[in-house]
N, C-alpha and C. Protein backbone atom coordinates (compact mmCIF):
# COMPACT_ATOMS: atom_id res chain seq x y z
N MET A 1 105.53 87.20 86.25
CA MET A 1 106.86 86.84 85.78
C MET A 1 107.29 85.53 86.43
N GLU A 2 107.59 84.55 85.64
CA GLU A 2 108.06 83.25 86.13
C GLU A 2 109.58 83.25 86.17
N LEU A 3 110.14 82.78 87.26
CA LEU A 3 111.60 82.72 87.40
C LEU A 3 112.17 81.53 86.64
N THR A 4 113.32 81.73 86.02
CA THR A 4 114.02 80.62 85.36
C THR A 4 114.85 79.87 86.40
N GLY A 5 115.35 78.71 86.03
CA GLY A 5 116.18 77.93 86.94
C GLY A 5 117.45 78.67 87.36
N LYS A 6 118.04 79.39 86.42
CA LYS A 6 119.26 80.14 86.71
C LYS A 6 118.97 81.29 87.69
N GLN A 7 117.85 81.97 87.51
CA GLN A 7 117.48 83.05 88.41
C GLN A 7 117.16 82.52 89.80
N ARG A 8 116.47 81.38 89.85
CA ARG A 8 116.16 80.75 91.14
C ARG A 8 117.43 80.36 91.88
N ALA A 9 118.40 79.80 91.16
CA ALA A 9 119.67 79.39 91.78
C ALA A 9 120.40 80.61 92.33
N TYR A 10 120.37 81.71 91.59
CA TYR A 10 121.02 82.95 92.04
C TYR A 10 120.37 83.45 93.33
N LEU A 11 119.05 83.45 93.36
CA LEU A 11 118.32 83.91 94.54
C LEU A 11 118.51 82.97 95.72
N ARG A 12 118.58 81.65 95.46
CA ARG A 12 118.83 80.68 96.54
C ARG A 12 120.17 80.97 97.21
N GLY A 13 121.17 81.31 96.41
CA GLY A 13 122.48 81.64 96.96
C GLY A 13 122.43 82.87 97.85
N MET A 14 121.61 83.84 97.48
CA MET A 14 121.46 85.04 98.30
C MET A 14 120.74 84.74 99.61
N CYS A 15 119.85 83.75 99.61
CA CYS A 15 119.05 83.42 100.79
C CYS A 15 119.86 82.74 101.89
N ASN A 16 120.96 82.11 101.53
CA ASN A 16 121.71 81.32 102.50
C ASN A 16 122.08 82.09 103.75
N GLU A 17 122.46 83.34 103.61
CA GLU A 17 122.94 84.11 104.75
C GLU A 17 121.91 85.10 105.28
N MET A 18 120.72 85.08 104.72
CA MET A 18 119.67 86.01 105.16
C MET A 18 119.03 85.55 106.46
N PRO A 19 118.69 86.50 107.33
CA PRO A 19 117.90 86.12 108.51
C PRO A 19 116.44 85.95 108.12
N VAL A 20 115.69 85.26 108.96
CA VAL A 20 114.26 85.08 108.73
C VAL A 20 113.57 86.42 108.95
N ALA A 21 112.77 86.84 107.97
CA ALA A 21 112.10 88.13 108.05
C ALA A 21 110.63 88.01 108.45
N LEU A 22 110.06 86.81 108.31
CA LEU A 22 108.63 86.64 108.57
C LEU A 22 108.37 85.25 109.12
N TYR A 23 107.60 85.19 110.20
CA TYR A 23 107.23 83.91 110.80
C TYR A 23 105.74 83.64 110.59
N ILE A 24 105.41 82.41 110.24
CA ILE A 24 104.02 81.97 110.12
C ILE A 24 103.70 81.21 111.40
N GLY A 25 102.71 81.69 112.16
CA GLY A 25 102.41 81.09 113.46
C GLY A 25 101.19 80.20 113.45
N LYS A 26 100.60 80.04 114.64
CA LYS A 26 99.51 79.10 114.82
C LYS A 26 98.23 79.49 114.08
N GLU A 27 98.12 80.73 113.64
CA GLU A 27 96.93 81.15 112.90
C GLU A 27 97.10 80.96 111.40
N GLY A 28 98.27 80.55 110.97
CA GLY A 28 98.52 80.33 109.55
C GLY A 28 98.78 81.62 108.80
N VAL A 29 98.44 81.65 107.53
CA VAL A 29 98.66 82.84 106.71
C VAL A 29 97.43 83.73 106.83
N THR A 30 97.56 84.81 107.59
CA THR A 30 96.47 85.75 107.81
C THR A 30 96.67 86.99 106.94
N GLU A 31 95.69 87.88 106.94
CA GLU A 31 95.82 89.12 106.17
C GLU A 31 96.97 89.97 106.71
N GLY A 32 97.18 89.93 108.01
CA GLY A 32 98.31 90.65 108.60
C GLY A 32 99.65 90.09 108.14
N THR A 33 99.73 88.78 108.04
CA THR A 33 100.94 88.14 107.55
C THR A 33 101.20 88.53 106.11
N VAL A 34 100.16 88.55 105.30
CA VAL A 34 100.30 88.93 103.89
C VAL A 34 100.75 90.38 103.78
N GLN A 35 100.17 91.26 104.58
CA GLN A 35 100.56 92.67 104.56
C GLN A 35 102.03 92.84 104.96
N SER A 36 102.47 92.11 105.98
CA SER A 36 103.88 92.17 106.39
C SER A 36 104.79 91.67 105.28
N ALA A 37 104.37 90.61 104.60
CA ALA A 37 105.16 90.08 103.50
C ALA A 37 105.26 91.08 102.36
N ARG A 38 104.15 91.73 102.03
CA ARG A 38 104.16 92.74 100.96
C ARG A 38 105.11 93.88 101.29
N GLU A 39 105.06 94.36 102.53
CA GLU A 39 105.94 95.45 102.94
C GLU A 39 107.40 95.03 102.88
N ALA A 40 107.70 93.83 103.34
CA ALA A 40 109.08 93.33 103.31
C ALA A 40 109.55 93.13 101.87
N LEU A 41 108.67 92.63 101.01
CA LEU A 41 109.04 92.44 99.61
C LEU A 41 109.25 93.78 98.90
N ASP A 42 108.46 94.79 99.25
CA ASP A 42 108.66 96.11 98.67
C ASP A 42 110.03 96.67 99.06
N ALA A 43 110.43 96.40 100.29
CA ALA A 43 111.70 96.93 100.78
C ALA A 43 112.90 96.12 100.30
N ARG A 44 112.77 94.78 100.23
CA ARG A 44 113.93 93.92 99.97
C ARG A 44 113.87 93.10 98.69
N GLU A 45 112.70 92.84 98.19
CA GLU A 45 112.42 92.00 97.02
C GLU A 45 112.56 90.50 97.30
N LEU A 46 113.40 90.11 98.24
CA LEU A 46 113.64 88.71 98.57
C LEU A 46 113.57 88.55 100.08
N ILE A 47 112.70 87.65 100.56
CA ILE A 47 112.61 87.44 102.00
C ILE A 47 112.61 85.94 102.32
N LYS A 48 113.10 85.65 103.52
CA LYS A 48 113.08 84.28 104.04
C LYS A 48 112.01 84.22 105.12
N CYS A 49 111.21 83.17 105.08
CA CYS A 49 110.12 82.98 106.03
C CYS A 49 110.28 81.63 106.74
N ALA A 50 109.69 81.52 107.91
CA ALA A 50 109.75 80.27 108.66
C ALA A 50 108.36 79.95 109.21
N VAL A 51 108.03 78.67 109.21
CA VAL A 51 106.77 78.19 109.76
C VAL A 51 107.06 77.62 111.15
N GLN A 52 106.37 78.14 112.15
CA GLN A 52 106.61 77.69 113.52
C GLN A 52 105.91 76.37 113.79
N ARG A 53 106.28 75.72 114.88
CA ARG A 53 105.79 74.37 115.18
C ARG A 53 104.28 74.24 115.27
N GLY A 54 103.59 75.20 115.86
CA GLY A 54 102.15 75.09 116.06
C GLY A 54 101.32 75.48 114.86
N ALA A 55 101.95 75.82 113.76
CA ALA A 55 101.22 76.30 112.58
C ALA A 55 100.42 75.15 111.94
N PRO A 56 99.25 75.47 111.40
CA PRO A 56 98.41 74.43 110.78
C PRO A 56 98.86 74.06 109.36
N LEU A 57 99.82 74.76 108.81
CA LEU A 57 100.28 74.53 107.44
C LEU A 57 101.71 74.01 107.41
N SER A 58 102.04 73.26 106.37
CA SER A 58 103.43 72.89 106.14
C SER A 58 104.12 74.09 105.49
N ALA A 59 105.43 74.06 105.41
CA ALA A 59 106.16 75.15 104.77
C ALA A 59 105.77 75.29 103.30
N ARG A 60 105.58 74.18 102.61
CA ARG A 60 105.19 74.22 101.20
C ARG A 60 103.81 74.86 101.02
N GLU A 61 102.86 74.47 101.87
CA GLU A 61 101.51 75.04 101.79
C GLU A 61 101.53 76.54 102.10
N ALA A 62 102.28 76.92 103.14
CA ALA A 62 102.38 78.33 103.51
C ALA A 62 103.03 79.13 102.39
N CYS A 63 104.07 78.58 101.78
CA CYS A 63 104.76 79.25 100.68
C CYS A 63 103.82 79.47 99.51
N ASP A 64 103.09 78.45 99.11
CA ASP A 64 102.16 78.55 97.99
C ASP A 64 101.06 79.58 98.27
N THR A 65 100.50 79.53 99.46
CA THR A 65 99.43 80.45 99.84
C THR A 65 99.93 81.88 99.89
N LEU A 66 101.09 82.09 100.52
CA LEU A 66 101.63 83.44 100.65
C LEU A 66 102.02 84.01 99.29
N CYS A 67 102.60 83.19 98.44
CA CYS A 67 102.98 83.65 97.09
C CYS A 67 101.74 84.07 96.30
N GLU A 68 100.69 83.30 96.41
CA GLU A 68 99.46 83.62 95.69
C GLU A 68 98.85 84.93 96.19
N MET A 69 98.82 85.10 97.50
CA MET A 69 98.18 86.28 98.08
C MET A 69 99.03 87.54 97.97
N ALA A 70 100.35 87.40 97.92
CA ALA A 70 101.25 88.56 97.87
C ALA A 70 101.81 88.80 96.47
N ASP A 71 101.34 88.05 95.48
CA ASP A 71 101.82 88.17 94.10
C ASP A 71 103.34 88.00 94.01
N ALA A 72 103.84 86.98 94.67
CA ALA A 72 105.28 86.71 94.70
C ALA A 72 105.58 85.38 94.02
N GLN A 73 106.87 85.08 93.87
CA GLN A 73 107.33 83.83 93.27
C GLN A 73 108.07 83.01 94.32
N PRO A 74 107.81 81.71 94.41
CA PRO A 74 108.58 80.87 95.35
C PRO A 74 110.00 80.70 94.83
N VAL A 75 110.95 80.71 95.76
CA VAL A 75 112.35 80.52 95.39
C VAL A 75 112.84 79.17 95.90
N GLN A 76 112.59 78.88 97.17
CA GLN A 76 113.13 77.68 97.79
C GLN A 76 112.28 77.32 98.99
N CYS A 77 112.15 76.02 99.25
CA CYS A 77 111.44 75.54 100.43
C CYS A 77 112.21 74.35 100.99
N ILE A 78 112.78 74.52 102.18
CA ILE A 78 113.55 73.45 102.82
C ILE A 78 113.12 73.38 104.29
N GLY A 79 112.69 72.21 104.71
CA GLY A 79 112.29 72.02 106.10
C GLY A 79 111.13 72.92 106.46
N ASN A 80 111.30 73.76 107.49
CA ASN A 80 110.22 74.66 107.89
C ASN A 80 110.46 76.09 107.40
N ARG A 81 111.41 76.27 106.48
CA ARG A 81 111.73 77.60 105.96
C ARG A 81 111.53 77.66 104.45
N PHE A 82 111.17 78.85 104.00
CA PHE A 82 111.02 79.05 102.56
C PHE A 82 111.37 80.50 102.22
N SER A 83 111.67 80.73 100.97
CA SER A 83 112.02 82.07 100.49
C SER A 83 111.14 82.44 99.32
N ILE A 84 110.76 83.72 99.26
CA ILE A 84 109.94 84.20 98.17
C ILE A 84 110.54 85.48 97.60
N TYR A 85 110.20 85.76 96.34
CA TYR A 85 110.74 86.91 95.62
C TYR A 85 109.63 87.64 94.88
N ARG A 86 109.70 88.96 94.89
CA ARG A 86 108.82 89.78 94.07
C ARG A 86 109.60 91.03 93.67
N GLU A 87 109.69 91.26 92.38
CA GLU A 87 110.42 92.42 91.87
C GLU A 87 109.66 93.70 92.21
N ASN A 88 110.41 94.71 92.59
CA ASN A 88 109.86 96.03 92.86
C ASN A 88 110.35 96.97 91.76
N PRO A 89 109.52 97.27 90.76
CA PRO A 89 109.99 98.07 89.63
C PRO A 89 110.40 99.50 90.01
N GLU A 90 109.84 100.04 91.09
CA GLU A 90 110.17 101.40 91.50
C GLU A 90 111.50 101.49 92.24
N ASN A 91 111.86 100.43 92.97
CA ASN A 91 113.08 100.44 93.76
C ASN A 91 113.79 99.10 93.59
N LYS A 92 114.33 98.87 92.41
CA LYS A 92 114.95 97.58 92.09
C LYS A 92 116.26 97.42 92.86
N ARG A 93 116.34 96.35 93.65
CA ARG A 93 117.53 96.09 94.47
C ARG A 93 118.33 94.90 93.94
N ILE A 94 117.66 93.95 93.31
CA ILE A 94 118.33 92.72 92.86
C ILE A 94 118.29 92.66 91.34
N GLU A 95 119.45 92.54 90.73
CA GLU A 95 119.57 92.36 89.29
C GLU A 95 119.68 90.87 89.00
N LEU A 96 118.68 90.31 88.38
CA LEU A 96 118.69 88.88 88.08
C LEU A 96 119.48 88.60 86.80
N PRO A 97 120.18 87.46 86.76
CA PRO A 97 120.94 87.11 85.54
C PRO A 97 120.01 86.76 84.39
């Protein structure tokens, strides 16, 4: 499912006040990181992630890699932070416009 511009804008607004749920460290995007992202997405559908200073990837690269591996959609990428979304059909928490 590809997000529309209006849906992305709605999700970006929700991300503003969210705390960071997942950090990408010096090992980059590992299988453990992907598993943590999947669990967080199952619980919340929308998560904010941050790339730490020693990480080998930029925030954009980490976002693209994590989205591909966790079957998620990128929402926003600013500086060293990014947000991703994946709908949970069993426990829907966010109603998109």
